[in-house]
Amino acid sequence: MYKTANHEEMFSELFIYHLEKKLGMNMAVYERGDKCVKSLDFTDSASVNFEPAFTFMGDNEDYEDVFARLNELCPQASADFVKMIFLDTLTANPDRHTANFGLLRDIKTGKLISFAPVFDHNMALIARGYPKTVSKNDILICLFNDFINNHTEFKKYLPIVTEDILKSVLATVNMKVRSKDIIEFLMKRYALIQKN
C-alpha cells in the first residue's frame, strides 16, 4: 500500500513503526517512499484474511467492550490489543477506529489466528504539528489508565520506554525533526501512563 504523506506524517509513521519494532511489538512493515509511505502486505499475499474490528464491533471503540469481545473471539489477541492502545496513548494517536485494527483469519479453516499487525499512525506524534503540552487530563491517557487499572494483569506486557531507545529510533529514521521536543513529549506521556 502507498500512502501520500507530508514530511511530518512520514516521520510519524516511520518513527512509530521503528519504535514498535524496537519494543518487540507486532507491526506492519513501513518503508519510506517518494512523498509517500509504503506498507507491505501483512496478509502474505492473501494467505490469511484481515478481519477489521468493525466486523465484530461496528463503530464501538470502547476499550472494555473491544477487549471483552476479543477475549470471546480470539483470547490470544488480548495482549497485542493492550500493547496497541499503549502505543497509541504514548504517541497521541487519535485515529484508532475499528477499521484500522483487527484479527487475522485462516483462509482455509476460517479460524481466527491472532491480532493483526498494527498499522496506521499518520495522525499521531507530530503529524498535525508539534504538540504544545502534555496533561494528565489528556483523553487518551485517561482512557488507557482507566483500562489498565481494571486489568492490572496486562501491565507486565507494557514495554519499557527510555530516552536511549527514542534516540536510537530517531537515528534509524534519520529525518530532520525537532528531536529534543519529540523525546520530551514522549517521555512526559510515558510518565503519565500507569505502569506500576
Protein backbone atom coordinates (compact mmCIF):
# COMPACT_ATOMS: atom_id res chain seq x y z
CA MET A 1 0.00 0.00 0.00
CA TYR A 2 1.22 3.50 -0.82
CA LYS A 3 0.07 6.41 1.32
CA THR A 4 0.79 10.01 0.33
CA ALA A 5 2.45 11.80 3.23
CA ASN A 6 3.98 15.16 4.07
CA HIS A 7 7.27 15.30 5.99
CA GLU A 8 5.67 15.19 9.46
CA GLU A 9 3.23 12.39 8.56
CA MET A 10 6.01 10.35 7.00
CA PHE A 11 8.25 10.84 10.03
CA SER A 12 5.45 9.91 12.45
CA GLU A 13 4.55 6.75 10.56
CA LEU A 14 8.18 5.62 10.21
CA PHE A 15 9.22 6.59 13.73
CA ILE A 16 6.33 4.70 15.31
CA TYR A 17 7.00 1.66 13.11
CA HIS A 18 10.65 1.55 14.20
CA LEU A 19 9.72 2.22 17.82
CA GLU A 20 7.25 -0.68 17.80
CA LYS A 21 9.89 -2.91 16.25
CA LYS A 22 12.42 -1.88 18.90
CA LEU A 23 9.86 -2.62 21.63
CA GLY A 24 9.14 -6.07 20.17
CA MET A 25 5.61 -5.34 19.04
CA ASN A 26 3.76 -6.86 16.08
CA MET A 27 3.75 -4.13 13.43
CA ALA A 28 3.00 -3.89 9.71
CA VAL A 29 6.23 -3.10 7.83
CA TYR A 30 6.64 0.51 6.70
CA GLU A 31 9.23 1.98 4.34
CA ARG A 32 9.98 5.47 3.13
CA GLY A 33 8.87 6.27 -0.41
CA ASP A 34 8.94 9.32 -2.67
CA LYS A 35 6.44 11.68 -0.97
CA CYS A 36 4.71 8.62 0.41
CA VAL A 37 4.97 5.83 2.95
CA LYS A 38 4.94 2.25 1.68
CA SER A 39 3.43 -0.54 3.75
CA LEU A 40 3.98 -4.19 2.92
CA ASP A 41 1.05 -6.60 2.70
CA PHE A 42 0.73 -8.28 6.10
CA THR A 43 -1.67 -10.92 4.75
CA ASP A 44 1.29 -12.56 2.96
CA SER A 45 -0.39 -12.36 -0.47
CA ALA A 46 -3.78 -13.28 0.99
CA SER A 47 -2.60 -16.46 2.72
CA VAL A 48 -4.62 -15.10 5.67
CA ASN A 49 -7.58 -12.72 5.75
CA PHE A 50 -7.59 -9.45 7.65
CA GLU A 51 -10.82 -9.03 9.57
CA PRO A 52 -11.16 -5.43 10.77
CA ALA A 53 -12.63 -4.95 14.23
CA PHE A 54 -15.54 -3.18 12.55
CA THR A 55 -16.91 -6.60 11.54
CA PHE A 56 -17.42 -7.59 15.17
CA MET A 57 -17.59 -4.19 16.93
CA GLY A 58 -19.28 -1.85 14.45
CA ASP A 59 -18.25 1.69 15.43
CA ASN A 60 -17.85 0.80 19.12
CA GLU A 61 -14.25 1.69 20.06
CA ASP A 62 -14.68 1.40 23.84
CA TYR A 63 -11.58 -0.34 25.18
CA GLU A 64 -13.52 -2.51 27.64
CA ASP A 65 -16.04 -3.61 25.01
CA VAL A 66 -13.37 -4.38 22.41
CA PHE A 67 -11.27 -6.24 24.98
CA ALA A 68 -14.25 -8.35 26.09
CA ARG A 69 -15.16 -9.22 22.50
CA LEU A 70 -11.56 -10.12 21.64
CA ASN A 71 -11.47 -12.44 24.66
CA GLU A 72 -14.53 -14.23 23.30
CA LEU A 73 -13.30 -14.48 19.71
CA CYS A 74 -9.51 -14.79 19.95
CA PRO A 75 -8.13 -14.66 23.51
CA GLN A 76 -4.53 -14.80 22.27
CA ALA A 77 -5.08 -11.33 20.74
CA SER A 78 -5.64 -9.63 24.11
CA ALA A 79 -2.02 -8.81 24.95
CA ASP A 80 -1.40 -7.35 21.48
CA PHE A 81 -4.53 -5.19 21.81
CA VAL A 82 -3.22 -3.82 25.11
CA LYS A 83 0.18 -3.09 23.54
CA MET A 84 -1.52 -1.31 20.64
CA ILE A 85 -3.57 1.01 22.85
CA PHE A 86 -0.48 1.63 24.99
CA LEU A 87 1.45 2.76 21.90
CA ASP A 88 -1.49 4.87 20.69
CA THR A 89 -1.56 6.54 24.10
CA LEU A 90 2.18 7.12 24.14
CA THR A 91 2.26 8.63 20.64
CA ALA A 92 -1.07 10.51 20.89
CA ASN A 93 -2.72 8.61 18.05
CA PRO A 94 -6.33 9.85 17.80
CA ASP A 95 -7.24 7.63 14.84
CA ARG A 96 -7.59 4.09 16.18
CA HIS A 97 -11.10 3.41 14.85
CA THR A 98 -12.45 -0.10 14.30
CA ALA A 99 -11.47 -0.18 10.61
CA ASN A 100 -7.75 0.13 11.31
CA PHE A 101 -7.09 -2.77 13.63
CA GLY A 102 -8.37 -6.31 13.75
CA LEU A 103 -7.68 -10.01 13.54
CA LEU A 104 -6.11 -12.44 11.10
CA ARG A 105 -8.19 -15.40 9.95
CA ASP A 106 -7.01 -18.63 8.30
CA ILE A 107 -8.41 -18.65 4.75
CA LYS A 108 -8.83 -22.44 4.66
CA THR A 109 -10.32 -23.17 8.09
CA GLY A 110 -11.86 -19.80 8.92
CA LYS A 111 -10.20 -19.98 12.34
CA LEU A 112 -9.10 -16.72 13.95
CA ILE A 113 -5.33 -16.88 14.34
CA SER A 114 -4.07 -13.72 16.02
CA PHE A 115 -4.22 -9.97 16.34
CA ALA A 116 -3.27 -8.34 13.04
CA PRO A 117 -0.04 -6.36 12.83
CA VAL A 118 -0.58 -2.77 13.96
CA PHE A 119 -0.75 -0.11 11.26
CA ASP A 120 -1.85 3.48 10.53
CA HIS A 121 -0.09 6.14 12.57
CA ASN A 122 -0.21 9.02 10.11
CA MET A 123 -2.19 11.24 12.51
CA ALA A 124 -0.02 10.55 15.58
CA LEU A 125 3.02 12.20 17.16
CA ILE A 126 3.94 15.30 15.06
CA ALA A 127 1.73 14.53 12.04
CA ARG A 128 -0.50 17.52 12.83
CA GLY A 129 2.28 19.72 14.20
CA TYR A 130 4.47 19.66 17.27
CA PRO A 131 2.37 19.19 20.42
CA LYS A 132 2.48 22.09 22.87
CA THR A 133 1.73 20.42 26.20
CA VAL A 134 1.14 17.11 27.90
CA SER A 135 -1.61 16.87 30.51
CA LYS A 136 -2.69 14.13 32.88
CA ASN A 137 -6.21 15.00 31.66
CA ASP A 138 -5.38 14.02 28.07
CA ILE A 139 -8.28 11.83 26.94
CA LEU A 140 -6.07 9.00 25.61
CA ILE A 141 -4.02 8.89 28.81
CA CYS A 142 -7.19 8.89 30.95
CA LEU A 143 -8.85 6.15 28.88
CA PHE A 144 -5.76 3.96 28.89
CA ASN A 145 -5.11 4.40 32.62
CA ASP A 146 -8.73 3.55 33.43
CA PHE A 147 -8.48 0.45 31.29
CA ILE A 148 -5.11 -0.78 32.59
CA ASN A 149 -6.12 -0.19 36.21
CA ASN A 150 -9.05 -2.54 35.59
CA HIS A 151 -6.73 -5.11 34.00
CA THR A 152 -3.57 -4.96 36.07
CA GLU A 153 -2.56 -8.42 34.84
CA PHE A 154 -1.65 -6.78 31.50
CA LYS A 155 0.78 -4.26 32.99
CA LYS A 156 3.50 -6.87 32.51
CA TYR A 157 3.04 -6.56 28.73
CA LEU A 158 3.73 -2.82 28.67
CA PRO A 159 7.13 -2.13 27.13
CA ILE A 160 9.75 -0.01 28.87
CA VAL A 161 10.47 3.22 27.02
CA THR A 162 13.71 5.13 27.64
CA GLU A 163 15.37 8.20 26.16
CA ASP A 164 18.10 5.94 24.76
CA ILE A 165 15.51 3.87 22.88
CA LEU A 166 13.92 7.02 21.46
CA LYS A 167 17.32 8.40 20.39
CA SER A 168 18.14 5.10 18.69
CA VAL A 169 14.85 5.17 16.78
CA LEU A 170 15.40 8.79 15.76
CA ALA A 171 18.82 7.83 14.39
CA THR A 172 17.31 4.91 12.46
CA VAL A 173 14.61 7.07 10.86
CA ASN A 174 17.18 9.79 10.12
CA MET A 175 14.82 12.62 9.19
CA LYS A 176 15.16 16.28 10.09
CA VAL A 177 12.86 16.92 13.07
CA ARG A 178 13.00 18.63 16.45
CA SER A 179 14.36 15.55 18.21
CA LYS A 180 14.59 17.09 21.68
CA ASP A 181 10.91 18.16 21.56
CA ILE A 182 9.83 14.70 20.41
CA ILE A 183 11.78 12.92 23.15
CA GLU A 184 10.45 15.30 25.80
CA PHE A 185 6.87 14.87 24.58
CA LEU A 186 7.05 11.06 24.55
CA MET A 187 8.79 10.79 27.92
CA LYS A 188 6.22 13.12 29.53
CA ARG A 189 3.38 11.00 28.16
CA TYR A 190 5.15 7.82 29.24
CA ALA A 191 5.50 9.19 32.78
CA LEU A 192 1.71 9.71 32.96
CA ILE A 193 0.84 6.17 31.86
CA GLN A 194 0.01 3.84 34.76
CA LYS A 195 2.61 1.11 34.54
CA ASN A 196 3.11 0.00 38.16
